[in-house]
């Protein structure tokens, strides 16, 4: 793995969220997201949802895959995103990772690079990954996706 495959982000939650904002503004052809619960993601922000909406309007086939341990916190704290997810359900696949399945690194993977978090002594650190580091992160994400099951339904039916 080349030294240029991984680029450290400045420390802190705000730097992590800013890196996510920048990539969510134009995710390219497709993107894969993983977080245990999306608690530190800026998915509740109107600007992020507006950018995702503009991007989704240019898509015609499924292009966003979300994976989580639980979506209940996201559903509670990000109503704009939940509404966006319902309106663009034809483009978004959401799955839940069962207990006992190894989770991938938290992050957002795009077609050629991504933003991932790694546990460090006092919390986590954010990194931009490319090349071999991106490929390894993508393979781990795909393996977790294969062992997950559908979740975060776009619509809930009731009586």
C-alpha atoms as a PDB file:
ATOM      1  CA  UNK A   1       0.000   0.000   0.000  1.00  0.00           C
ATOM      2  CA  UNK A   2       1.513   3.308  -1.076  1.00  0.00           C
ATOM      3  CA  UNK A   3       1.839   6.162   1.390  1.00  0.00           C
ATOM      4  CA  UNK A   4      -0.455   8.225  -0.836  1.00  0.00           C
ATOM      5  CA  UNK A   5      -3.262   5.652  -0.468  1.00  0.00           C
ATOM      6  CA  UNK A   6      -4.229   7.132   2.911  1.00  0.00           C
ATOM      7  CA  UNK A   7      -4.465  10.807   3.818  1.00  0.00           C
ATOM      8  CA  UNK A   8      -5.262  11.759   7.413  1.00  0.00           C
ATOM      9  CA  UNK A   9      -8.005  14.291   8.047  1.00  0.00           C
ATOM     10  CA  UNK A  10      -7.592  16.963  10.691  1.00  0.00           C
ATOM     11  CA  UNK A  11      -8.656  15.628  14.089  1.00  0.00           C
ATOM     12  CA  UNK A  12     -12.162  16.045  15.371  1.00  0.00           C
ATOM     13  CA  UNK A  13     -15.804  15.450  14.666  1.00  0.00           C
ATOM     14  CA  UNK A  14     -16.204  18.613  12.563  1.00  0.00           C
ATOM     15  CA  UNK A  15     -13.412  17.570  10.170  1.00  0.00           C
ATOM     16  CA  UNK A  16     -15.066  14.151   9.807  1.00  0.00           C
ATOM     17  CA  UNK A  17     -18.436  15.729   9.077  1.00  0.00           C
ATOM     18  CA  UNK A  18     -16.941  18.230   6.623  1.00  0.00           C
ATOM     19  CA  UNK A  19     -15.251  15.430   4.670  1.00  0.00           C
ATOM     20  CA  UNK A  20     -18.600  13.632   4.492  1.00  0.00           C
ATOM     21  CA  UNK A  21     -20.406  16.830   3.427  1.00  0.00           C
ATOM     22  CA  UNK A  22     -17.917  17.399   0.612  1.00  0.00           C
ATOM     23  CA  UNK A  23     -18.310  13.893  -0.767  1.00  0.00           C
ATOM     24  CA  UNK A  24     -22.083  13.767  -0.329  1.00  0.00           C
ATOM     25  CA  UNK A  25     -22.360  17.006  -2.336  1.00  0.00           C
ATOM     26  CA  UNK A  26     -21.461  15.016  -5.472  1.00  0.00           C
ATOM     27  CA  UNK A  27     -21.037  11.291  -4.845  1.00  0.00           C
ATOM     28  CA  UNK A  28     -20.385  10.465  -8.501  1.00  0.00           C
ATOM     29  CA  UNK A  29     -21.845   7.323 -10.035  1.00  0.00           C
ATOM     30  CA  UNK A  30     -22.457   5.442  -6.792  1.00  0.00           C
ATOM     31  CA  UNK A  31     -21.704   5.397  -3.096  1.00  0.00           C
ATOM     32  CA  UNK A  32     -21.712   3.002  -0.174  1.00  0.00           C
ATOM     33  CA  UNK A  33     -22.204   4.198   3.401  1.00  0.00           C
ATOM     34  CA  UNK A  34     -21.620   2.399   6.673  1.00  0.00           C
ATOM     35  CA  UNK A  35     -22.065   3.542  10.229  1.00  0.00           C
ATOM     36  CA  UNK A  36     -23.301   1.604  13.208  1.00  0.00           C
ATOM     37  CA  UNK A  37     -25.967   4.290  13.730  1.00  0.00           C
ATOM     38  CA  UNK A  38     -25.055   7.429  11.681  1.00  0.00           C
ATOM     39  CA  UNK A  39     -25.020   9.502  14.889  1.00  0.00           C
ATOM     40  CA  UNK A  40     -21.997  11.583  13.777  1.00  0.00           C
ATOM     41  CA  UNK A  41     -23.075  12.034  10.176  1.00  0.00           C
ATOM     42  CA  UNK A  42     -24.538  15.341   8.903  1.00  0.00           C
ATOM     43  CA  UNK A  43     -27.573  13.628   7.335  1.00  0.00           C
ATOM     44  CA  UNK A  44     -29.943  15.866   9.330  1.00  0.00           C
ATOM     45  CA  UNK A  45     -28.652  19.000   7.581  1.00  0.00           C
ATOM     46  CA  UNK A  46     -30.859  20.629   4.952  1.00  0.00           C
ATOM     47  CA  UNK A  47     -27.876  21.420   2.692  1.00  0.00           C
ATOM     48  CA  UNK A  48     -26.720  17.794   2.679  1.00  0.00           C
ATOM     49  CA  UNK A  49     -30.204  16.522   1.834  1.00  0.00           C
ATOM     50  CA  UNK A  50     -30.577  19.178  -0.895  1.00  0.00           C
ATOM     51  CA  UNK A  51     -27.262  18.109  -2.433  1.00  0.00           C
ATOM     52  CA  UNK A  52     -28.312  14.458  -2.320  1.00  0.00           C
ATOM     53  CA  UNK A  53     -31.614  15.363  -3.956  1.00  0.00           C
ATOM     54  CA  UNK A  54     -29.889  17.233  -6.793  1.00  0.00           C
ATOM     55  CA  UNK A  55     -27.578  14.252  -7.295  1.00  0.00           C
ATOM     56  CA  UNK A  56     -30.425  11.714  -7.165  1.00  0.00           C
ATOM     57  CA  UNK A  57     -32.394  13.590  -9.821  1.00  0.00           C
ATOM     58  CA  UNK A  58     -29.629  12.711 -12.312  1.00  0.00           C
ATOM     59  CA  UNK A  59     -29.724   8.978 -11.505  1.00  0.00           C
ATOM     60  CA  UNK A  60     -31.867   6.305 -13.133  1.00  0.00           C
ATOM     61  CA  UNK A  61     -30.808   3.109 -11.364  1.00  0.00           C
ATOM     62  CA  UNK A  62     -29.915   2.084  -7.799  1.00  0.00           C
ATOM     63  CA  UNK A  63     -26.754   3.928  -6.865  1.00  0.00           C
ATOM     64  CA  UNK A  64     -26.653   4.381  -3.089  1.00  0.00           C
ATOM     65  CA  UNK A  65     -26.251   1.544  -0.616  1.00  0.00           C
ATOM     66  CA  UNK A  66     -26.533   2.151   3.127  1.00  0.00           C
ATOM     67  CA  UNK A  67     -25.513  -0.318   5.791  1.00  0.00           C
ATOM     68  CA  UNK A  68     -25.985   0.065   9.559  1.00  0.00           C
ATOM     69  CA  UNK A  69     -26.346  -1.905  12.763  1.00  0.00           C
ATOM     70  CA  UNK A  70     -29.450   0.155  13.592  1.00  0.00           C
ATOM     71  CA  UNK A  71     -31.382   2.892  11.826  1.00  0.00           C
ATOM     72  CA  UNK A  72     -33.687   3.949  14.674  1.00  0.00           C
ATOM     73  CA  UNK A  73     -31.506   6.892  15.759  1.00  0.00           C
ATOM     74  CA  UNK A  74     -31.211   8.170  12.194  1.00  0.00           C
ATOM     75  CA  UNK A  75     -34.965   7.894  11.702  1.00  0.00           C
ATOM     76  CA  UNK A  76     -35.527   9.911  14.888  1.00  0.00           C
ATOM     77  CA  UNK A  77     -32.941  12.650  14.282  1.00  0.00           C
ATOM     78  CA  UNK A  78     -32.930  13.151  10.499  1.00  0.00           C
ATOM     79  CA  UNK A  79     -36.527  13.544   9.257  1.00  0.00           C
ATOM     80  CA  UNK A  80     -35.419  15.389   6.092  1.00  0.00           C
ATOM     81  CA  UNK A  81     -33.176  12.497   5.179  1.00  0.00           C
ATOM     82  CA  UNK A  82     -35.922   9.960   5.954  1.00  0.00           C
ATOM     83  CA  UNK A  83     -38.258  11.866   3.621  1.00  0.00           C
ATOM     84  CA  UNK A  84     -35.565  11.992   0.927  1.00  0.00           C
ATOM     85  CA  UNK A  85     -35.000   8.251   1.334  1.00  0.00           C
ATOM     86  CA  UNK A  86     -38.741   7.628   0.755  1.00  0.00           C
ATOM     87  CA  UNK A  87     -38.909   9.860  -2.335  1.00  0.00           C
ATOM     88  CA  UNK A  88     -35.866   8.224  -3.913  1.00  0.00           C
ATOM     89  CA  UNK A  89     -36.451   4.662  -2.708  1.00  0.00           C
ATOM     90  CA  UNK A  90     -35.887   3.384  -6.240  1.00  0.00           C
ATOM     91  CA  UNK A  91     -32.249   4.516  -6.021  1.00  0.00           C
ATOM     92  CA  UNK A  92     -31.399   3.491  -2.457  1.00  0.00           C
ATOM     93  CA  UNK A  93     -30.826   0.095  -0.904  1.00  0.00           C
ATOM     94  CA  UNK A  94     -30.651  -0.053   2.901  1.00  0.00           C
ATOM     95  CA  UNK A  95     -29.568  -3.066   4.881  1.00  0.00           C
ATOM     96  CA  UNK A  96     -28.862  -3.903   8.508  1.00  0.00           C
ATOM     97  CA  UNK A  97     -25.832  -5.775   9.756  1.00  0.00           C
ATOM     98  CA  UNK A  98     -26.760  -8.527  12.231  1.00  0.00           C
ATOM     99  CA  UNK A  99     -24.910  -9.042  15.497  1.00  0.00           C
ATOM    100  CA  UNK A 100     -21.929 -11.329  15.116  1.00  0.00           C
ATOM    101  CA  UNK A 101     -21.039 -10.117  11.624  1.00  0.00           C
ATOM    102  CA  UNK A 102     -17.791  -8.174  11.346  1.00  0.00           C
ATOM    103  CA  UNK A 103     -18.466  -4.583  10.475  1.00  0.00           C
ATOM    104  CA  UNK A 104     -16.541  -2.637   7.859  1.00  0.00           C
ATOM    105  CA  UNK A 105     -14.788   0.603   8.705  1.00  0.00           C
ATOM    106  CA  UNK A 106     -17.251   3.409   9.256  1.00  0.00           C
ATOM    107  CA  UNK A 107     -17.243   5.507   6.167  1.00  0.00           C
ATOM    108  CA  UNK A 108     -18.423   6.636   2.776  1.00  0.00           C
ATOM    109  CA  UNK A 109     -16.983   4.835  -0.241  1.00  0.00           C
ATOM    110  CA  UNK A 110     -17.293   6.356  -3.693  1.00  0.00           C
ATOM    111  CA  UNK A 111     -16.237   4.957  -7.079  1.00  0.00           C
ATOM    112  CA  UNK A 112     -12.533   5.785  -6.621  1.00  0.00           C
ATOM    113  CA  UNK A 113     -11.953   7.018  -3.094  1.00  0.00           C
ATOM    114  CA  UNK A 114     -13.642   7.293   0.255  1.00  0.00           C
ATOM    115  CA  UNK A 115     -13.646   8.646   3.765  1.00  0.00           C
ATOM    116  CA  UNK A 116     -13.178   6.086   6.508  1.00  0.00           C
ATOM    117  CA  UNK A 117     -12.827   6.221  10.267  1.00  0.00           C
ATOM    118  CA  UNK A 118     -10.444   4.098  12.268  1.00  0.00           C
ATOM    119  CA  UNK A 119     -10.507   3.545  15.995  1.00  0.00           C
ATOM    120  CA  UNK A 120      -7.631   5.197  17.808  1.00  0.00           C
ATOM    121  CA  UNK A 121      -6.689   5.382  21.474  1.00  0.00           C
ATOM    122  CA  UNK A 122      -9.048   8.259  22.317  1.00  0.00           C
ATOM    123  CA  UNK A 123     -11.937   7.865  19.878  1.00  0.00           C
ATOM    124  CA  UNK A 124     -11.443   7.693  16.135  1.00  0.00           C
ATOM    125  CA  UNK A 125      -9.554   9.378  13.341  1.00  0.00           C
ATOM    126  CA  UNK A 126     -10.759  10.103   9.822  1.00  0.00           C
ATOM    127  CA  UNK A 127      -8.855   9.237   6.658  1.00  0.00           C
ATOM    128  CA  UNK A 128      -9.301   9.695   2.941  1.00  0.00           C
ATOM    129  CA  UNK A 129      -8.432   6.433   1.213  1.00  0.00           C
ATOM    130  CA  UNK A 130      -7.499   5.715  -2.386  1.00  0.00           C
ATOM    131  CA  UNK A 131      -5.830   2.909  -4.320  1.00  0.00           C
ATOM    132  CA  UNK A 132      -5.126  -0.257  -2.350  1.00  0.00           C
ATOM    133  CA  UNK A 133      -6.574   1.197   0.874  1.00  0.00           C
ATOM    134  CA  UNK A 134      -9.823   2.026  -0.961  1.00  0.00           C
ATOM    135  CA  UNK A 135      -9.920  -1.451  -2.517  1.00  0.00           C
ATOM    136  CA  UNK A 136      -9.451  -3.133   0.890  1.00  0.00           C
ATOM    137  CA  UNK A 137     -12.167  -0.953   2.464  1.00  0.00           C
ATOM    138  CA  UNK A 138     -14.522  -1.708  -0.440  1.00  0.00           C
ATOM    139  CA  UNK A 139     -13.934  -5.467  -0.202  1.00  0.00           C
ATOM    140  CA  UNK A 140     -14.632  -5.454   3.534  1.00  0.00           C
ATOM    141  CA  UNK A 141     -17.772  -3.373   2.948  1.00  0.00           C
ATOM    142  CA  UNK A 142     -18.993  -5.767   0.230  1.00  0.00           C
ATOM    143  CA  UNK A 143     -18.425  -8.779   2.508  1.00  0.00           C
ATOM    144  CA  UNK A 144     -20.528  -7.164   5.247  1.00  0.00           C
ATOM    145  CA  UNK A 145     -23.243  -6.231   2.706  1.00  0.00           C
ATOM    146  CA  UNK A 146     -23.523  -9.865   1.610  1.00  0.00           C
ATOM    147  CA  UNK A 147     -24.233 -10.948   5.199  1.00  0.00           C
ATOM    148  CA  UNK A 148     -26.763  -8.190   5.935  1.00  0.00           C
ATOM    149  CA  UNK A 149     -30.535  -8.121   5.495  1.00  0.00           C
ATOM    150  CA  UNK A 150     -32.990  -5.473   4.188  1.00  0.00           C
ATOM    151  CA  UNK A 151     -33.877  -2.707   6.655  1.00  0.00           C
ATOM    152  CA  UNK A 152     -34.950   0.969   6.891  1.00  0.00           C
ATOM    153  CA  UNK A 153     -37.983   0.534   4.690  1.00  0.00           C
ATOM    154  CA  UNK A 154     -38.915   3.542   2.599  1.00  0.00           C
ATOM    155  CA  UNK A 155     -42.545   3.156   3.611  1.00  0.00           C
ATOM    156  CA  UNK A 156     -44.212   1.464   6.543  1.00  0.00           C
ATOM    157  CA  UNK A 157     -47.598  -0.011   5.934  1.00  0.00           C
ATOM    158  CA  UNK A 158     -50.190  -0.073   8.647  1.00  0.00           C
ATOM    159  CA  UNK A 159     -53.868  -0.569   9.195  1.00  0.00           C
END
